[in-house]
Amino acid sequence: VASNWMAAAGAYEQAFLKSDDPFFRLKCVDELMMVYMKLDKANTLADKLRDWADKNAKTRLGEALLMDVAVLWQRAGKPDQAIQAFLSFFEAYPNGALNDRAHFQFGWVFLENKQYESAISEYQKAAERTKNPQLQADAWLKIGDLQFERQQFDAAVAAYARCSQVKGADPAKIEQSLYQAANASFKLGNYAEALKFQQLHALQYPGGKFVPEFLLLLAEIRRKGGAIDKVAESFKTLLDKYPGSLHAPVAWQGYAEALYTLGRFKEGIEAVDSFVKNFPKHDLVARAMQMRARCLERLDQTEKAVAEFESLI
């Protein structure tokens, strides 16, 4: 109830005012944000934060408190107030210790407001100014994702490549950036560059999380080059090494179609049977049944092929 939230706000405020520990005081501010948003009184807390920031001006705490004003408005879903608060923060602390994180957070405000160019600009400022490898990798990755979603694949490749080169960043982010760079290169039709990123990934992360995705991508690159035997090989490798992968159904279907194209109809039927057995309710089952019927037809098993088509209908 409102009275309980007000009591909680008072307790957190007293804890903030009585403590000398900057870290603890900022934790109190985090709790206050939650409480005041529950009370729908973000403006009241914003005034308090600005007052506390003024009293601690030119200190790390004062800087953090002024940035929290902008974060508060962002969490409250008030982009106009958040944008103005971030601009005030940068005016007060143009070279502050939190400047890089503020630009990254400012990018989120623009992203949520669908102002994509401004979001990219802020993420780039964060990436170029920070000495924190995790923040730098996150910023380049966000730029790459935004460019990819907008089908600006050249720019996406460049951003993902920058992310992959950040020393000391989370290996999971580096691995992800390598795959995304390869995928964006594929979308551009630059298969040689996609393979370059695939090879870098194979060297750095031989058992990584994105190996199944790379195998699927490798199959598609080989399909574009007309190397259908290699396409089948890529799908089979994925199925043998990662049978429980989320990509296994697509791999089974692609493997069966590659075998059909190669004229290996019996193996194609076996592949479809394995797929239907393991994933009986998957969306691709109907397409797999059609492939099985076509294989039966090519093996001159016309009656079975007709029965399969009728079952499909």
C-alpha atoms as a PDB file:
ATOM      1  CA  VAL A   1       0.000   0.000   0.000  1.00  0.00           C
ATOM      2  CA  ALA A   2       1.067   3.599  -0.519  1.00  0.00           C
ATOM      3  CA  SER A   3       1.751   4.231   3.184  1.00  0.00           C
ATOM      4  CA  ASN A   4       4.199   1.315   3.298  1.00  0.00           C
ATOM      5  CA  TRP A   5       6.019   2.545   0.194  1.00  0.00           C
ATOM      6  CA  MET A   6       6.256   6.023   1.725  1.00  0.00           C
ATOM      7  CA  ALA A   7       7.698   4.529   4.905  1.00  0.00           C
ATOM      8  CA  ALA A   8      10.213   2.577   2.836  1.00  0.00           C
ATOM      9  CA  ALA A   9      11.195   5.743   0.980  1.00  0.00           C
ATOM     10  CA  GLY A  10      11.776   7.537   4.263  1.00  0.00           C
ATOM     11  CA  ALA A  11      13.936   4.705   5.594  1.00  0.00           C
ATOM     12  CA  TYR A  12      16.090   4.543   2.465  1.00  0.00           C
ATOM     13  CA  GLU A  13      16.472   8.315   2.462  1.00  0.00           C
ATOM     14  CA  GLN A  14      17.606   8.323   6.092  1.00  0.00           C
ATOM     15  CA  ALA A  15      20.083   5.523   5.344  1.00  0.00           C
ATOM     16  CA  PHE A  16      21.459   7.574   2.440  1.00  0.00           C
ATOM     17  CA  LEU A  17      21.829  10.738   4.525  1.00  0.00           C
ATOM     18  CA  LYS A  18      23.479   9.044   7.511  1.00  0.00           C
ATOM     19  CA  SER A  19      25.986   6.900   5.624  1.00  0.00           C
ATOM     20  CA  ASP A  20      29.494   7.951   4.624  1.00  0.00           C
ATOM     21  CA  ASP A  21      29.948   5.015   2.241  1.00  0.00           C
ATOM     22  CA  PRO A  22      29.425   6.222  -1.384  1.00  0.00           C
ATOM     23  CA  PHE A  23      28.765   2.690  -2.632  1.00  0.00           C
ATOM     24  CA  PHE A  24      26.104   2.072   0.019  1.00  0.00           C
ATOM     25  CA  ARG A  25      24.534   5.466  -0.654  1.00  0.00           C
ATOM     26  CA  LEU A  26      24.161   4.659  -4.355  1.00  0.00           C
ATOM     27  CA  LYS A  27      22.567   1.327  -3.434  1.00  0.00           C
ATOM     28  CA  CYS A  28      20.046   3.324  -1.400  1.00  0.00           C
ATOM     29  CA  VAL A  29      19.367   5.459  -4.486  1.00  0.00           C
ATOM     30  CA  ASP A  30      18.642   2.309  -6.532  1.00  0.00           C
ATOM     31  CA  GLU A  31      16.052   1.274  -3.952  1.00  0.00           C
ATOM     32  CA  LEU A  32      14.609   4.774  -3.849  1.00  0.00           C
ATOM     33  CA  MET A  33      14.116   4.676  -7.621  1.00  0.00           C
ATOM     34  CA  MET A  34      12.017   1.539  -7.317  1.00  0.00           C
ATOM     35  CA  VAL A  35       9.951   2.969  -4.459  1.00  0.00           C
ATOM     36  CA  TYR A  36       9.271   6.355  -6.052  1.00  0.00           C
ATOM     37  CA  MET A  37       8.277   4.741  -9.336  1.00  0.00           C
ATOM     38  CA  LYS A  38       5.826   2.556  -7.389  1.00  0.00           C
ATOM     39  CA  LEU A  39       4.444   5.784  -5.952  1.00  0.00           C
ATOM     40  CA  ASP A  40       4.444   7.414  -9.412  1.00  0.00           C
ATOM     41  CA  LYS A  41       6.503  10.281  -8.000  1.00  0.00           C
ATOM     42  CA  ALA A  42       9.653  10.175 -10.107  1.00  0.00           C
ATOM     43  CA  ASN A  43       9.686  13.958 -10.242  1.00  0.00           C
ATOM     44  CA  THR A  44       9.954  14.162  -6.429  1.00  0.00           C
ATOM     45  CA  LEU A  45      12.985  11.879  -6.371  1.00  0.00           C
ATOM     46  CA  ALA A  46      14.574  13.679  -9.337  1.00  0.00           C
ATOM     47  CA  ASP A  47      14.476  16.918  -7.335  1.00  0.00           C
ATOM     48  CA  LYS A  48      16.094  15.186  -4.340  1.00  0.00           C
ATOM     49  CA  LEU A  49      18.823  13.645  -6.489  1.00  0.00           C
ATOM     50  CA  ARG A  50      19.668  16.988  -8.088  1.00  0.00           C
ATOM     51  CA  ASP A  51      19.868  18.581  -4.650  1.00  0.00           C
ATOM     52  CA  TRP A  52      22.161  15.824  -3.345  1.00  0.00           C
ATOM     53  CA  ALA A  53      24.263  16.055  -6.513  1.00  0.00           C
ATOM     54  CA  ASP A  54      24.694  19.825  -6.006  1.00  0.00           C
ATOM     55  CA  LYS A  55      25.800  19.265  -2.406  1.00  0.00           C
ATOM     56  CA  ASN A  56      28.396  16.758  -3.617  1.00  0.00           C
ATOM     57  CA  ALA A  57      29.394  18.621  -6.777  1.00  0.00           C
ATOM     58  CA  LYS A  58      32.702  17.741  -8.462  1.00  0.00           C
ATOM     59  CA  THR A  59      32.951  14.469  -6.555  1.00  0.00           C
ATOM     60  CA  ARG A  60      32.485  10.932  -7.858  1.00  0.00           C
ATOM     61  CA  LEU A  61      29.320  10.647  -5.753  1.00  0.00           C
ATOM     62  CA  GLY A  62      27.929  13.910  -7.103  1.00  0.00           C
ATOM     63  CA  GLU A  63      28.625  12.765 -10.640  1.00  0.00           C
ATOM     64  CA  ALA A  64      26.874   9.434 -10.036  1.00  0.00           C
ATOM     65  CA  LEU A  65      23.868  11.141  -8.447  1.00  0.00           C
ATOM     66  CA  LEU A  66      23.442  13.523 -11.392  1.00  0.00           C
ATOM     67  CA  MET A  67      23.642  10.593 -13.795  1.00  0.00           C
ATOM     68  CA  ASP A  68      21.026   8.794 -11.703  1.00  0.00           C
ATOM     69  CA  VAL A  69      18.572  11.596 -12.448  1.00  0.00           C
ATOM     70  CA  ALA A  70      18.738  10.619 -16.122  1.00  0.00           C
ATOM     71  CA  VAL A  71      18.581   6.902 -15.308  1.00  0.00           C
ATOM     72  CA  LEU A  72      15.507   7.526 -13.152  1.00  0.00           C
ATOM     73  CA  TRP A  73      13.662   9.211 -16.018  1.00  0.00           C
ATOM     74  CA  GLN A  74      14.669   6.419 -18.363  1.00  0.00           C
ATOM     75  CA  ARG A  75      13.318   3.765 -15.980  1.00  0.00           C
ATOM     76  CA  ALA A  76      10.159   5.803 -15.550  1.00  0.00           C
ATOM     77  CA  GLY A  77       9.598   5.716 -19.308  1.00  0.00           C
ATOM     78  CA  LYS A  78      10.028   9.471 -19.775  1.00  0.00           C
ATOM     79  CA  PRO A  79      12.452   9.805 -22.737  1.00  0.00           C
ATOM     80  CA  ASP A  80      12.202  13.596 -23.097  1.00  0.00           C
ATOM     81  CA  GLN A  81      13.137  14.161 -19.452  1.00  0.00           C
ATOM     82  CA  ALA A  82      15.854  11.488 -19.685  1.00  0.00           C
ATOM     83  CA  ILE A  83      17.413  13.119 -22.749  1.00  0.00           C
ATOM     84  CA  GLN A  84      17.445  16.535 -21.070  1.00  0.00           C
ATOM     85  CA  ALA A  85      18.930  15.044 -17.886  1.00  0.00           C
ATOM     86  CA  PHE A  86      21.729  13.310 -19.806  1.00  0.00           C
ATOM     87  CA  LEU A  87      22.543  16.533 -21.652  1.00  0.00           C
ATOM     88  CA  SER A  88      22.735  18.335 -18.299  1.00  0.00           C
ATOM     89  CA  PHE A  89      25.013  15.599 -16.993  1.00  0.00           C
ATOM     90  CA  PHE A  90      27.436  15.918 -19.926  1.00  0.00           C
ATOM     91  CA  GLU A  91      27.469  19.694 -19.526  1.00  0.00           C
ATOM     92  CA  ALA A  92      28.400  19.355 -15.843  1.00  0.00           C
ATOM     93  CA  TYR A  93      30.872  16.477 -16.301  1.00  0.00           C
ATOM     94  CA  PRO A  94      32.189  16.585 -19.899  1.00  0.00           C
ATOM     95  CA  ASN A  95      35.201  14.448 -18.966  1.00  0.00           C
ATOM     96  CA  GLY A  96      33.853  12.702 -15.885  1.00  0.00           C
ATOM     97  CA  ALA A  97      34.761   9.228 -14.723  1.00  0.00           C
ATOM     98  CA  LEU A  98      31.273   7.988 -15.629  1.00  0.00           C
ATOM     99  CA  ASN A  99      31.155   9.726 -18.988  1.00  0.00           C
ATOM    100  CA  ASP A 100      31.593   6.502 -20.996  1.00  0.00           C
ATOM    101  CA  ARG A 101      28.847   4.649 -19.109  1.00  0.00           C
ATOM    102  CA  ALA A 102      26.575   7.658 -19.436  1.00  0.00           C
ATOM    103  CA  HIS A 103      26.963   7.638 -23.220  1.00  0.00           C
ATOM    104  CA  PHE A 104      26.130   3.920 -23.287  1.00  0.00           C
ATOM    105  CA  GLN A 105      23.039   4.466 -21.141  1.00  0.00           C
ATOM    106  CA  PHE A 106      22.096   7.488 -23.259  1.00  0.00           C
ATOM    107  CA  GLY A 107      22.234   5.196 -26.278  1.00  0.00           C
ATOM    108  CA  TRP A 108      19.581   3.000 -24.649  1.00  0.00           C
ATOM    109  CA  VAL A 109      17.299   6.009 -24.238  1.00  0.00           C
ATOM    110  CA  PHE A 110      17.499   6.780 -27.948  1.00  0.00           C
ATOM    111  CA  LEU A 111      17.122   3.105 -28.845  1.00  0.00           C
ATOM    112  CA  GLU A 112      13.947   2.787 -26.771  1.00  0.00           C
ATOM    113  CA  ASN A 113      12.700   5.969 -28.457  1.00  0.00           C
ATOM    114  CA  LYS A 114      13.479   4.504 -31.921  1.00  0.00           C
ATOM    115  CA  GLN A 115      16.036   7.235 -32.649  1.00  0.00           C
ATOM    116  CA  TYR A 116      18.526   4.790 -34.120  1.00  0.00           C
ATOM    117  CA  GLU A 117      21.131   7.155 -35.547  1.00  0.00           C
ATOM    118  CA  SER A 118      21.408   8.973 -32.219  1.00  0.00           C
ATOM    119  CA  ALA A 119      21.619   5.631 -30.403  1.00  0.00           C
ATOM    120  CA  ILE A 120      24.482   4.498 -32.628  1.00  0.00           C
ATOM    121  CA  SER A 121      26.269   7.817 -32.091  1.00  0.00           C
ATOM    122  CA  GLU A 122      26.091   7.442 -28.306  1.00  0.00           C
ATOM    123  CA  TYR A 123      27.213   3.804 -28.349  1.00  0.00           C
ATOM    124  CA  GLN A 124      30.164   4.806 -30.519  1.00  0.00           C
ATOM    125  CA  LYS A 125      31.161   7.557 -28.081  1.00  0.00           C
ATOM    126  CA  ALA A 126      31.041   4.998 -25.266  1.00  0.00           C
ATOM    127  CA  ALA A 127      33.130   2.496 -27.233  1.00  0.00           C
ATOM    128  CA  GLU A 128      35.787   5.030 -28.204  1.00  0.00           C
ATOM    129  CA  ARG A 129      36.106   6.686 -24.786  1.00  0.00           C
ATOM    130  CA  THR A 130      35.976   3.786 -22.359  1.00  0.00           C
ATOM    131  CA  LYS A 131      38.937   1.845 -21.028  1.00  0.00           C
ATOM    132  CA  ASN A 132      36.625  -0.879 -19.741  1.00  0.00           C
ATOM    133  CA  PRO A 133      36.832  -3.823 -22.168  1.00  0.00           C
ATOM    134  CA  GLN A 134      33.404  -5.172 -21.189  1.00  0.00           C
ATOM    135  CA  LEU A 135      31.683  -1.848 -21.860  1.00  0.00           C
ATOM    136  CA  GLN A 136      33.633  -1.383 -25.081  1.00  0.00           C
ATOM    137  CA  ALA A 137      32.640  -4.819 -26.379  1.00  0.00           C
ATOM    138  CA  ASP A 138      28.994  -4.244 -25.399  1.00  0.00           C
ATOM    139  CA  ALA A 139      28.949  -0.915 -27.228  1.00  0.00           C
ATOM    140  CA  TRP A 140      30.428  -2.269 -30.480  1.00  0.00           C
ATOM    141  CA  LEU A 141      28.083  -5.243 -30.300  1.00  0.00           C
ATOM    142  CA  LYS A 142      25.067  -2.951 -29.898  1.00  0.00           C
ATOM    143  CA  ILE A 143      26.190  -0.865 -32.874  1.00  0.00           C
ATOM    144  CA  GLY A 144      26.576  -4.013 -34.946  1.00  0.00           C
ATOM    145  CA  ASP A 145      23.136  -5.290 -33.951  1.00  0.00           C
ATOM    146  CA  LEU A 146      21.485  -1.980 -34.789  1.00  0.00           C
ATOM    147  CA  GLN A 147      23.178  -1.792 -38.181  1.00  0.00           C
ATOM    148  CA  PHE A 148      22.319  -5.432 -38.894  1.00  0.00           C
ATOM    149  CA  GLU A 149      18.637  -4.885 -38.058  1.00  0.00           C
ATOM    150  CA  ARG A 150      18.607  -1.902 -40.409  1.00  0.00           C
ATOM    151  CA  GLN A 151      20.283  -4.060 -43.103  1.00  0.00           C
ATOM    152  CA  GLN A 152      23.358  -1.838 -43.098  1.00  0.00           C
ATOM    153  CA  PHE A 153      25.512  -4.942 -43.347  1.00  0.00           C
ATOM    154  CA  ASP A 154      28.806  -3.215 -44.251  1.00  0.00           C
ATOM    155  CA  ALA A 155      28.623  -1.082 -41.112  1.00  0.00           C
ATOM    156  CA  ALA A 156      27.503  -4.102 -39.077  1.00  0.00           C
ATOM    157  CA  VAL A 157      30.539  -6.137 -40.167  1.00  0.00           C
ATOM    158  CA  ALA A 158      32.853  -3.265 -39.214  1.00  0.00           C
ATOM    159  CA  ALA A 159      31.297  -2.920 -35.740  1.00  0.00           C
ATOM    160  CA  TYR A 160      31.316  -6.656 -35.051  1.00  0.00           C
ATOM    161  CA  ALA A 161      34.944  -6.833 -36.170  1.00  0.00           C
ATOM    162  CA  ARG A 162      35.842  -4.040 -33.734  1.00  0.00           C
ATOM    163  CA  CYS A 163      34.092  -5.950 -30.959  1.00  0.00           C
ATOM    164  CA  SER A 164      35.987  -9.152 -31.784  1.00  0.00           C
ATOM    165  CA  GLN A 165      39.297  -7.301 -31.337  1.00  0.00           C
ATOM    166  CA  VAL A 166      38.644  -5.949 -27.819  1.00  0.00           C
ATOM    167  CA  LYS A 167      41.282  -7.428 -25.547  1.00  0.00           C
ATOM    168  CA  GLY A 168      40.104  -8.600 -22.131  1.00  0.00           C
ATOM    169  CA  ALA A 169      36.401  -8.633 -22.995  1.00  0.00           C
ATOM    170  CA  ASP A 170      34.009 -11.428 -22.106  1.00  0.00           C
ATOM    171  CA  PRO A 171      34.887 -14.384 -24.417  1.00  0.00           C
ATOM    172  CA  ALA A 172      31.169 -15.020 -24.967  1.00  0.00           C
ATOM    173  CA  LYS A 173      30.789 -11.524 -26.444  1.00  0.00           C
ATOM    174  CA  ILE A 174      33.833 -12.012 -28.668  1.00  0.00           C
ATOM    175  CA  GLU A 175      32.515 -15.337 -29.937  1.00  0.00           C
ATOM    176  CA  GLN A 176      29.107 -13.813 -30.620  1.00  0.00           C
ATOM    177  CA  SER A 177      30.670 -10.925 -32.542  1.00  0.00           C
ATOM    178  CA  LEU A 178      32.627 -13.331 -34.769  1.00  0.00           C
ATOM    179  CA  TYR A 179      29.454 -15.193 -35.700  1.00  0.00           C
ATOM    180  CA  GLN A 180      27.506 -11.983 -36.292  1.00  0.00           C
ATOM    181  CA  ALA A 181      30.325 -10.631 -38.453  1.00  0.00           C
ATOM    182  CA  ALA A 182      30.269 -13.818 -40.517  1.00  0.00           C
ATOM    183  CA  ASN A 183      26.483 -13.670 -40.819  1.00  0.00           C
ATOM    184  CA  ALA A 184      26.516 -10.016 -41.911  1.00  0.00           C
ATOM    185  CA  SER A 185      29.246 -10.798 -44.457  1.00  0.00           C
ATOM    186  CA  PHE A 186      27.076 -13.625 -45.790  1.00  0.00           C
ATOM    187  CA  LYS A 187      24.124 -11.242 -46.142  1.00  0.00           C
ATOM    188  CA  LEU A 188      26.385  -8.991 -48.221  1.00  0.00           C
ATOM    189  CA  GLY A 189      27.285 -11.930 -50.453  1.00  0.00           C
ATOM    190  CA  ASN A 190      30.905 -11.658 -49.317  1.00  0.00           C
ATOM    191  CA  TYR A 191      31.395 -15.368 -48.721  1.00  0.00           C
ATOM    192  CA  ALA A 192      35.187 -15.172 -48.546  1.00  0.00           C
ATOM    193  CA  GLU A 193      34.979 -12.727 -45.650  1.00  0.00           C
ATOM    194  CA  ALA A 194      32.324 -14.864 -43.946  1.00  0.00           C
ATOM    195  CA  LEU A 195      34.670 -17.837 -44.176  1.00  0.00           C
ATOM    196  CA  LYS A 196      37.482 -15.734 -42.716  1.00  0.00           C
ATOM    197  CA  PHE A 197      35.410 -15.083 -39.598  1.00  0.00           C
ATOM    198  CA  GLN A 198      34.403 -18.746 -39.498  1.00  0.00           C
ATOM    199  CA  GLN A 199      38.056 -19.780 -39.546  1.00  0.00           C
ATOM    200  CA  LEU A 200      38.918 -17.278 -36.789  1.00  0.00           C
ATOM    201  CA  HIS A 201      36.129 -18.742 -34.702  1.00  0.00           C
ATOM    202  CA  ALA A 202      37.325 -22.305 -35.329  1.00  0.00           C
ATOM    203  CA  LEU A 203      40.800 -21.343 -34.108  1.00  0.00           C
ATOM    204  CA  GLN A 204      39.697 -19.395 -31.036  1.00  0.00           C
ATOM    205  CA  TYR A 205      36.562 -21.320 -29.987  1.00  0.00           C
ATOM    206  CA  PRO A 206      36.748 -24.891 -31.345  1.00  0.00           C
ATOM    207  CA  GLY A 207      34.054 -26.049 -28.923  1.00  0.00           C
ATOM    208  CA  GLY A 208      32.224 -22.767 -28.565  1.00  0.00           C
ATOM    209  CA  LYS A 209      28.551 -21.994 -28.211  1.00  0.00           C
ATOM    210  CA  PHE A 210      28.184 -20.810 -31.810  1.00  0.00           C
ATOM    211  CA  VAL A 211      29.683 -23.855 -33.547  1.00  0.00           C
ATOM    212  CA  PRO A 212      26.224 -25.137 -34.673  1.00  0.00           C
ATOM    213  CA  GLU A 213      25.371 -21.705 -36.093  1.00  0.00           C
ATOM    214  CA  PHE A 214      28.668 -21.607 -37.946  1.00  0.00           C
ATOM    215  CA  LEU A 215      28.047 -25.084 -39.378  1.00  0.00           C
ATOM    216  CA  LEU A 216      24.658 -23.948 -40.696  1.00  0.00           C
ATOM    217  CA  LEU A 217      26.245 -20.826 -42.162  1.00  0.00           C
ATOM    218  CA  LEU A 218      29.035 -22.904 -43.692  1.00  0.00           C
ATOM    219  CA  ALA A 219      26.437 -25.154 -45.316  1.00  0.00           C
ATOM    220  CA  GLU A 220      24.703 -22.141 -46.866  1.00  0.00           C
ATOM    221  CA  ILE A 221      27.991 -20.718 -48.144  1.00  0.00           C
ATOM    222  CA  ARG A 222      28.816 -24.066 -49.729  1.00  0.00           C
ATOM    223  CA  ARG A 223      25.331 -24.241 -51.240  1.00  0.00           C
ATOM    224  CA  LYS A 224      25.899 -20.854 -52.877  1.00  0.00           C
ATOM    225  CA  GLY A 225      29.104 -22.258 -54.355  1.00  0.00           C
ATOM    226  CA  GLY A 226      27.330 -25.352 -55.662  1.00  0.00           C
ATOM    227  CA  ALA A 227      29.370 -27.748 -53.493  1.00  0.00           C
ATOM    228  CA  ILE A 228      26.381 -29.892 -52.482  1.00  0.00           C
ATOM    229  CA  ASP A 229      28.535 -32.738 -51.181  1.00  0.00           C
ATOM    230  CA  LYS A 230      30.156 -30.266 -48.777  1.00  0.00           C
ATOM    231  CA  VAL A 231      26.704 -28.955 -47.847  1.00  0.00           C
ATOM    232  CA  ALA A 232      25.693 -32.465 -46.801  1.00  0.00           C
ATOM    233  CA  GLU A 233      28.964 -32.812 -44.903  1.00  0.00           C
ATOM    234  CA  SER A 234      28.336 -29.618 -42.891  1.00  0.00           C
ATOM    235  CA  PHE A 235      24.819 -30.677 -41.942  1.00  0.00           C
ATOM    236  CA  LYS A 236      25.977 -34.184 -41.012  1.00  0.00           C
ATOM    237  CA  THR A 237      28.748 -32.797 -38.806  1.00  0.00           C
ATOM    238  CA  LEU A 238      26.220 -30.668 -36.952  1.00  0.00           C
ATOM    239  CA  LEU A 239      23.888 -33.650 -36.463  1.00  0.00           C
ATOM    240  CA  ASP A 240      26.682 -35.950 -35.289  1.00  0.00           C
ATOM    241  CA  LYS A 241      28.277 -33.502 -32.860  1.00  0.00           C
ATOM    242  CA  TYR A 242      25.252 -31.474 -31.714  1.00  0.00           C
ATOM    243  CA  PRO A 243      22.180 -33.750 -31.958  1.00  0.00           C
ATOM    244  CA  GLY A 244      20.391 -31.800 -29.235  1.00  0.00           C
ATOM    245  CA  SER A 245      20.977 -28.385 -30.792  1.00  0.00           C
ATOM    246  CA  LEU A 246      18.044 -26.097 -31.526  1.00  0.00           C
ATOM    247  CA  HIS A 247      19.327 -26.118 -35.101  1.00  0.00           C
ATOM    248  CA  ALA A 248      19.148 -29.906 -35.481  1.00  0.00           C
ATOM    249  CA  PRO A 249      15.698 -29.915 -37.196  1.00  0.00           C
ATOM    250  CA  VAL A 250      16.889 -27.472 -39.875  1.00  0.00           C
ATOM    251  CA  ALA A 251      20.059 -29.528 -40.268  1.00  0.00           C
ATOM    252  CA  TRP A 252      18.072 -32.758 -40.749  1.00  0.00           C
ATOM    253  CA  GLN A 253      15.901 -31.128 -43.393  1.00  0.00           C
ATOM    254  CA  GLY A 254      18.881 -29.559 -45.169  1.00  0.00           C
ATOM    255  CA  TYR A 255      20.791 -32.844 -45.028  1.00  0.00           C
ATOM    256  CA  ALA A 256      17.889 -34.756 -46.606  1.00  0.00           C
ATOM    257  CA  GLU A 257      17.527 -32.191 -49.394  1.00  0.00           C
ATOM    258  CA  ALA A 258      21.268 -32.253 -50.090  1.00  0.00           C
ATOM    259  CA  LEU A 259      21.206 -36.065 -50.310  1.00  0.00           C
ATOM    260  CA  TYR A 260      18.286 -35.871 -52.752  1.00  0.00           C
ATOM    261  CA  THR A 261      20.183 -33.381 -54.934  1.00  0.00           C
ATOM    262  CA  LEU A 262      23.188 -35.739 -54.903  1.00  0.00           C
ATOM    263  CA  GLY A 263      20.987 -38.633 -56.013  1.00  0.00           C
ATOM    264  CA  ARG A 264      21.451 -40.502 -52.723  1.00  0.00           C
ATOM    265  CA  PHE A 265      17.761 -41.230 -52.374  1.00  0.00           C
ATOM    266  CA  LYS A 266      17.879 -44.108 -49.885  1.00  0.00           C
ATOM    267  CA  GLU A 267      20.026 -42.064 -47.536  1.00  0.00           C
ATOM    268  CA  GLY A 268      17.642 -39.164 -48.041  1.00  0.00           C
ATOM    269  CA  ILE A 269      14.715 -41.319 -46.904  1.00  0.00           C
ATOM    270  CA  GLU A 270      16.703 -42.437 -43.859  1.00  0.00           C
ATOM    271  CA  ALA A 271      17.475 -38.833 -42.989  1.00  0.00           C
ATOM    272  CA  VAL A 272      13.796 -37.860 -43.223  1.00  0.00           C
ATOM    273  CA  ASP A 273      12.791 -40.870 -41.103  1.00  0.00           C
ATOM    274  CA  SER A 274      15.286 -39.837 -38.406  1.00  0.00           C
ATOM    275  CA  PHE A 275      14.047 -36.264 -38.499  1.00  0.00           C
ATOM    276  CA  VAL A 276      10.349 -37.209 -38.216  1.00  0.00           C
ATOM    277  CA  LYS A 277      11.111 -39.681 -35.427  1.00  0.00           C
ATOM    278  CA  ASN A 278      13.046 -37.121 -33.378  1.00  0.00           C
ATOM    279  CA  PHE A 279      10.886 -34.073 -34.134  1.00  0.00           C
ATOM    280  CA  PRO A 280       7.377 -35.381 -34.953  1.00  0.00           C
ATOM    281  CA  LYS A 281       5.618 -32.048 -34.324  1.00  0.00           C
ATOM    282  CA  HIS A 282       8.148 -29.705 -35.927  1.00  0.00           C
ATOM    283  CA  ASP A 283       6.959 -27.192 -38.530  1.00  0.00           C
ATOM    284  CA  LEU A 284       9.311 -28.707 -41.123  1.00  0.00           C
ATOM    285  CA  VAL A 285       7.798 -32.214 -40.926  1.00  0.00           C
ATOM    286  CA  ALA A 286       5.450 -31.602 -43.862  1.00  0.00           C
ATOM    287  CA  ARG A 287       8.344 -30.433 -46.035  1.00  0.00           C
ATOM    288  CA  ALA A 288      10.359 -33.475 -44.935  1.00  0.00           C
ATOM    289  CA  MET A 289       7.480 -35.815 -45.875  1.00  0.00           C
ATOM    290  CA  GLN A 290       7.359 -34.230 -49.318  1.00  0.00           C
ATOM    291  CA  MET A 291      11.093 -34.848 -49.698  1.00  0.00           C
ATOM    292  CA  ARG A 292      10.617 -38.495 -48.685  1.00  0.00           C
ATOM    293  CA  ALA A 293       7.867 -38.893 -51.302  1.00  0.00           C
ATOM    294  CA  ARG A 294      10.128 -37.413 -53.984  1.00  0.00           C
ATOM    295  CA  CYS A 295      12.920 -39.820 -53.006  1.00  0.00           C
ATOM    296  CA  LEU A 296      10.496 -42.757 -53.244  1.00  0.00           C
ATOM    297  CA  GLU A 297       9.376 -41.536 -56.663  1.00  0.00           C
ATOM    298  CA  ARG A 298      12.978 -41.385 -57.902  1.00  0.00           C
ATOM    299  CA  LEU A 299      13.505 -44.938 -56.634  1.00  0.00           C
ATOM    300  CA  ASP A 300      10.503 -46.032 -58.778  1.00  0.00           C
ATOM    301  CA  GLN A 301       8.482 -46.860 -55.673  1.00  0.00           C
ATOM    302  CA  THR A 302       5.470 -45.083 -57.134  1.00  0.00           C
ATOM    303  CA  GLU A 303       2.768 -46.583 -54.928  1.00  0.00           C
ATOM    304  CA  LYS A 304       4.646 -45.654 -51.761  1.00  0.00           C
ATOM    305  CA  ALA A 305       5.281 -42.184 -53.144  1.00  0.00           C
ATOM    306  CA  VAL A 306       1.591 -41.683 -53.908  1.00  0.00           C
ATOM    307  CA  ALA A 307       0.653 -42.914 -50.420  1.00  0.00           C
ATOM    308  CA  GLU A 308       3.145 -40.446 -48.913  1.00  0.00           C
ATOM    309  CA  PHE A 309       1.722 -37.542 -50.914  1.00  0.00           C
ATOM    310  CA  GLU A 310      -1.834 -38.530 -49.910  1.00  0.00           C
ATOM    311  CA  SER A 311      -0.789 -38.744 -46.259  1.00  0.00           C
ATOM    312  CA  LEU A 312       0.778 -35.307 -46.559  1.00  0.00           C
ATOM    313  CA  ILE A 313      -2.431 -33.871 -48.034  1.00  0.00           C
END
